[in-house]
Structures are given as C-alpha cells and as structure tokens.
PDB file of all heavy atoms in Angstrom:
ATOM      1  N   CYS A   1       2.003  -4.090  11.762  1.00  0.00           N
ATOM      2  CA  CYS A   1       2.461  -5.069  10.769  1.00  0.00           C
ATOM      3  C   CYS A   1       1.535  -5.090   9.580  1.00  0.00           C
ATOM      4  O   CYS A   1       1.972  -5.091   8.419  1.00  0.00           O
ATOM      5  CB  CYS A   1       2.512  -6.467  11.391  1.00  0.00           C
ATOM      6  SG  CYS A   1       3.461  -6.628  12.898  1.00  0.00           S
ATOM      7  N   THR A   2       0.237  -5.078   9.858  1.00  0.00           N
ATOM      8  CA  THR A   2      -0.759  -5.150   8.791  1.00  0.00           C
ATOM      9  C   THR A   2      -0.731  -3.898   7.931  1.00  0.00           C
ATOM     10  O   THR A   2      -0.821  -3.998   6.682  1.00  0.00           O
ATOM     11  CB  THR A   2      -2.145  -5.333   9.426  1.00  0.00           C
ATOM     12  OG1 THR A   2      -2.185  -6.600  10.149  1.00  0.00           O
ATOM     13  CG2 THR A   2      -3.225  -5.363   8.391  1.00  0.00           C
ATOM     14  N   LEU A   3      -0.639  -2.747   8.513  1.00  0.00           N
ATOM     15  CA  LEU A   3      -0.616  -1.503   7.744  1.00  0.00           C
ATOM     16  C   LEU A   3       0.585  -1.492   6.782  1.00  0.00           C
ATOM     17  O   LEU A   3       0.453  -1.229   5.577  1.00  0.00           O
ATOM     18  CB  LEU A   3      -0.557  -0.294   8.637  1.00  0.00           C
ATOM     19  CG  LEU A   3      -0.490   1.044   7.893  1.00  0.00           C
ATOM     20  CD1 LEU A   3      -1.829   1.356   7.222  1.00  0.00           C
ATOM     21  CD2 LEU A   3      -0.095   2.211   8.819  1.00  0.00           C
ATOM     22  N   ALA A   4       1.776  -1.791   7.278  1.00  0.00           N
ATOM     23  CA  ALA A   4       2.975  -1.813   6.452  1.00  0.00           C
ATOM     24  C   ALA A   4       2.867  -2.847   5.351  1.00  0.00           C
ATOM     25  O   ALA A   4       3.245  -2.598   4.189  1.00  0.00           O
ATOM     26  CB  ALA A   4       4.230  -2.059   7.286  1.00  0.00           C
ATOM     27  N   SER A   5       2.298  -4.012   5.655  1.00  0.00           N
ATOM     28  CA  SER A   5       2.141  -5.061   4.645  1.00  0.00           C
ATOM     29  C   SER A   5       1.129  -4.690   3.592  1.00  0.00           C
ATOM     30  O   SER A   5       1.304  -4.950   2.400  1.00  0.00           O
ATOM     31  CB  SER A   5       1.735  -6.379   5.319  1.00  0.00           C
ATOM     32  OG  SER A   5       2.789  -6.861   6.116  1.00  0.00           O
ATOM     33  N   ALA A   6       0.056  -3.999   4.008  1.00  0.00           N
ATOM     34  CA  ALA A   6      -0.944  -3.548   3.038  1.00  0.00           C
ATOM     35  C   ALA A   6      -0.360  -2.460   2.113  1.00  0.00           C
ATOM     36  O   ALA A   6      -0.627  -2.448   0.933  1.00  0.00           O
ATOM     37  CB  ALA A   6      -2.161  -3.014   3.773  1.00  0.00           C
ATOM     38  N   VAL A   7       0.462  -1.580   2.649  1.00  0.00           N
ATOM     39  CA  VAL A   7       1.164  -0.582   1.828  1.00  0.00           C
ATOM     40  C   VAL A   7       2.026  -1.284   0.805  1.00  0.00           C
ATOM     41  O   VAL A   7       2.000  -0.959  -0.413  1.00  0.00           O
ATOM     42  CB  VAL A   7       1.957   0.424   2.664  1.00  0.00           C
ATOM     43  CG1 VAL A   7       2.843   1.306   1.773  1.00  0.00           C
ATOM     44  CG2 VAL A   7       1.082   1.257   3.562  1.00  0.00           C
ATOM     45  N   ALA A   8       2.819  -2.281   1.249  1.00  0.00           N
ATOM     46  CA  ALA A   8       3.695  -3.005   0.353  1.00  0.00           C
ATOM     47  C   ALA A   8       2.915  -3.732  -0.734  1.00  0.00           C
ATOM     48  O   ALA A   8       3.284  -3.710  -1.917  1.00  0.00           O
ATOM     49  CB  ALA A   8       4.547  -4.002   1.140  1.00  0.00           C
ATOM     50  N   ALA A   9       1.813  -4.412  -0.324  1.00  0.00           N
ATOM     51  CA  ALA A   9       0.997  -5.107  -1.342  1.00  0.00           C
ATOM     52  C   ALA A   9       0.410  -4.141  -2.364  1.00  0.00           C
ATOM     53  O   ALA A   9       0.387  -4.426  -3.570  1.00  0.00           O
ATOM     54  CB  ALA A   9      -0.135  -5.865  -0.613  1.00  0.00           C
ATOM     55  N   ASN A  10      -0.045  -3.009  -1.902  1.00  0.00           N
ATOM     56  CA  ASN A  10      -0.631  -2.003  -2.798  1.00  0.00           C
ATOM     57  C   ASN A  10       0.399  -1.431  -3.784  1.00  0.00           C
ATOM     58  O   ASN A  10       0.143  -1.236  -4.948  1.00  0.00           O
ATOM     59  CB  ASN A  10      -1.303  -0.876  -2.002  1.00  0.00           C
ATOM     60  CG  ASN A  10      -2.624  -1.321  -1.403  1.00  0.00           C
ATOM     61  OD1 ASN A  10      -3.345  -2.115  -1.968  1.00  0.00           O
ATOM     62  ND2 ASN A  10      -2.914  -0.799  -0.206  1.00  0.00           N
ATOM     63  N   LEU A  11       1.627  -1.208  -3.263  1.00  0.00           N
ATOM     64  CA  LEU A  11       2.683  -0.713  -4.131  1.00  0.00           C
ATOM     65  C   LEU A  11       3.050  -1.796  -5.172  1.00  0.00           C
ATOM     66  O   LEU A  11       3.267  -1.474  -6.331  1.00  0.00           O
ATOM     67  CB  LEU A  11       3.942  -0.368  -3.294  1.00  0.00           C
ATOM     68  CG  LEU A  11       3.822   0.868  -2.413  1.00  0.00           C
ATOM     69  CD1 LEU A  11       5.021   1.010  -1.496  1.00  0.00           C
ATOM     70  CD2 LEU A  11       3.662   2.138  -3.252  1.00  0.00           C
ATOM     71  N   ALA A  12       3.085  -3.038  -4.758  1.00  0.00           N
ATOM     72  CA  ALA A  12       3.424  -4.137  -5.668  1.00  0.00           C
ATOM     73  C   ALA A  12       2.326  -4.277  -6.738  1.00  0.00           C
ATOM     74  O   ALA A  12       2.617  -4.673  -7.867  1.00  0.00           O
ATOM     75  CB  ALA A  12       3.564  -5.438  -4.912  1.00  0.00           C
ATOM     76  N   ARG A  13       1.092  -3.938  -6.409  1.00  0.00           N
ATOM     77  CA  ARG A  13      -0.004  -3.987  -7.369  1.00  0.00           C
ATOM     78  C   ARG A  13      -0.045  -2.802  -8.303  1.00  0.00           C
ATOM     79  O   ARG A  13      -0.868  -2.739  -9.218  1.00  0.00           O
ATOM     80  CB  ARG A  13      -1.337  -4.106  -6.618  1.00  0.00           C
ATOM     81  CG  ARG A  13      -1.490  -5.405  -5.862  1.00  0.00           C
ATOM     82  CD  ARG A  13      -2.687  -5.327  -4.898  1.00  0.00           C
ATOM     83  NE  ARG A  13      -3.953  -5.154  -5.591  1.00  0.00           N
ATOM     84  CZ  ARG A  13      -5.052  -4.562  -5.062  1.00  0.00           C
ATOM     85  NH1 ARG A  13      -4.972  -4.078  -3.813  1.00  0.00           N
ATOM     86  NH2 ARG A  13      -6.121  -4.453  -5.738  1.00  0.00           N
ATOM     87  N   GLY A  14       0.844  -1.826  -8.060  1.00  0.00           N
ATOM     88  CA  GLY A  14       0.965  -0.709  -8.995  1.00  0.00           C
ATOM     89  C   GLY A  14       0.372   0.628  -8.531  1.00  0.00           C
ATOM     90  O   GLY A  14       0.395   1.601  -9.263  1.00  0.00           O
ATOM     91  N   LEU A  15      -0.119   0.665  -7.290  1.00  0.00           N
ATOM     92  CA  LEU A  15      -0.680   1.939  -6.809  1.00  0.00           C
ATOM     93  C   LEU A  15       0.461   2.898  -6.509  1.00  0.00           C
ATOM     94  O   LEU A  15       1.546   2.509  -6.088  1.00  0.00           O
ATOM     95  CB  LEU A  15      -1.487   1.704  -5.512  1.00  0.00           C
ATOM     96  CG  LEU A  15      -2.991   1.384  -5.679  1.00  0.00           C
ATOM     97  CD1 LEU A  15      -3.165   0.041  -6.340  1.00  0.00           C
ATOM     98  CD2 LEU A  15      -3.684   1.415  -4.324  1.00  0.00           C
ATOM     99  N   ALA A  16       0.186   4.175  -6.696  1.00  0.00           N
ATOM    100  CA  ALA A  16       1.127   5.222  -6.271  1.00  0.00           C
ATOM    101  C   ALA A  16       1.149   5.257  -4.754  1.00  0.00           C
ATOM    102  O   ALA A  16       0.242   4.801  -4.081  1.00  0.00           O
ATOM    103  CB  ALA A  16       0.681   6.574  -6.862  1.00  0.00           C
ATOM    104  N   LEU A  17       2.227   5.867  -4.219  1.00  0.00           N
ATOM    105  CA  LEU A  17       2.433   5.802  -2.775  1.00  0.00           C
ATOM    106  C   LEU A  17       1.283   6.384  -1.986  1.00  0.00           C
ATOM    107  O   LEU A  17       0.800   5.771  -1.006  1.00  0.00           O
ATOM    108  CB  LEU A  17       3.722   6.523  -2.400  1.00  0.00           C
ATOM    109  CG  LEU A  17       4.027   6.597  -0.899  1.00  0.00           C
ATOM    110  CD1 LEU A  17       4.221   5.169  -0.305  1.00  0.00           C
ATOM    111  CD2 LEU A  17       5.294   7.438  -0.631  1.00  0.00           C
ATOM    112  N   ARG A  18       0.787   7.528  -2.354  1.00  0.00           N
ATOM    113  CA  ARG A  18      -0.288   8.135  -1.570  1.00  0.00           C
ATOM    114  C   ARG A  18      -1.576   7.300  -1.612  1.00  0.00           C
ATOM    115  O   ARG A  18      -2.187   7.084  -0.572  1.00  0.00           O
ATOM    116  CB  ARG A  18      -0.596   9.564  -2.070  1.00  0.00           C
ATOM    117  CG  ARG A  18       0.563  10.521  -1.727  1.00  0.00           C
ATOM    118  CD  ARG A  18       0.153  11.949  -1.882  1.00  0.00           C
ATOM    119  NE  ARG A  18       1.156  12.837  -1.227  1.00  0.00           N
ATOM    120  CZ  ARG A  18       0.915  14.101  -0.893  1.00  0.00           C
ATOM    121  NH1 ARG A  18      -0.280  14.635  -1.100  1.00  0.00           N
ATOM    122  NH2 ARG A  18       1.858  14.822  -0.302  1.00  0.00           N
ATOM    123  N   ALA A  19      -1.904   6.758  -2.776  1.00  0.00           N
ATOM    124  CA  ALA A  19      -3.069   5.896  -2.869  1.00  0.00           C
ATOM    125  C   ALA A  19      -2.842   4.595  -2.106  1.00  0.00           C
ATOM    126  O   ALA A  19      -3.762   4.066  -1.465  1.00  0.00           O
ATOM    127  CB  ALA A  19      -3.371   5.613  -4.339  1.00  0.00           C
ATOM    128  N   ALA A  20      -1.614   4.062  -2.158  1.00  0.00           N
ATOM    129  CA  ALA A  20      -1.312   2.827  -1.453  1.00  0.00           C
ATOM    130  C   ALA A  20      -1.474   3.010   0.053  1.00  0.00           C
ATOM    131  O   ALA A  20      -1.984   2.121   0.762  1.00  0.00           O
ATOM    132  CB  ALA A  20       0.126   2.399  -1.761  1.00  0.00           C
ATOM    133  N   CYS A  21      -1.035   4.128   0.586  1.00  0.00           N
ATOM    134  CA  CYS A  21      -1.164   4.385   2.050  1.00  0.00           C
ATOM    135  C   CYS A  21      -2.597   4.622   2.477  1.00  0.00           C
ATOM    136  O   CYS A  21      -3.034   4.126   3.525  1.00  0.00           O
ATOM    137  CB  CYS A  21      -0.301   5.606   2.405  1.00  0.00           C
ATOM    138  SG  CYS A  21       1.504   5.321   2.288  1.00  0.00           S
ATOM    139  N   THR A  22      -3.357   5.346   1.665  1.00  0.00           N
ATOM    140  CA  THR A  22      -4.759   5.570   1.996  1.00  0.00           C
ATOM    141  C   THR A  22      -5.530   4.251   1.991  1.00  0.00           C
ATOM    142  O   THR A  22      -6.296   3.944   2.913  1.00  0.00           O
ATOM    143  CB  THR A  22      -5.405   6.539   0.999  1.00  0.00           C
ATOM    144  OG1 THR A  22      -4.731   7.820   1.077  1.00  0.00           O
ATOM    145  CG2 THR A  22      -6.891   6.747   1.277  1.00  0.00           C
ATOM    146  N   ALA A  23      -5.332   3.429   0.965  1.00  0.00           N
ATOM    147  CA  ALA A  23      -6.000   2.147   0.871  1.00  0.00           C
ATOM    148  C   ALA A  23      -5.588   1.208   2.019  1.00  0.00           C
ATOM    149  O   ALA A  23      -6.417   0.488   2.562  1.00  0.00           O
ATOM    150  CB  ALA A  23      -5.698   1.488  -0.469  1.00  0.00           C
ATOM    151  N   ALA A  24      -4.327   1.284   2.420  1.00  0.00           N
ATOM    152  CA  ALA A  24      -3.839   0.462   3.510  1.00  0.00           C
ATOM    153  C   ALA A  24      -4.511   0.865   4.829  1.00  0.00           C
ATOM    154  O   ALA A  24      -4.895   0.026   5.663  1.00  0.00           O
ATOM    155  CB  ALA A  24      -2.324   0.550   3.636  1.00  0.00           C
TER     156      ALA A  24
END
C-alpha cells in the first residue's frame, strides 16, 4: 500500500515515472 501511494504522491508532485518509483 505504501509503495503504491508513494509512487502516486511522487507522480502528483511532478516526478517522472522512473524517478517516482525509485524514490518510492
């Protein structure tokens, strides 16, 4: 749950998908 939510939050903040997934 946390990983998927962190990806979503990072995408909403403007990160590209690969960066959003790594940060998550």
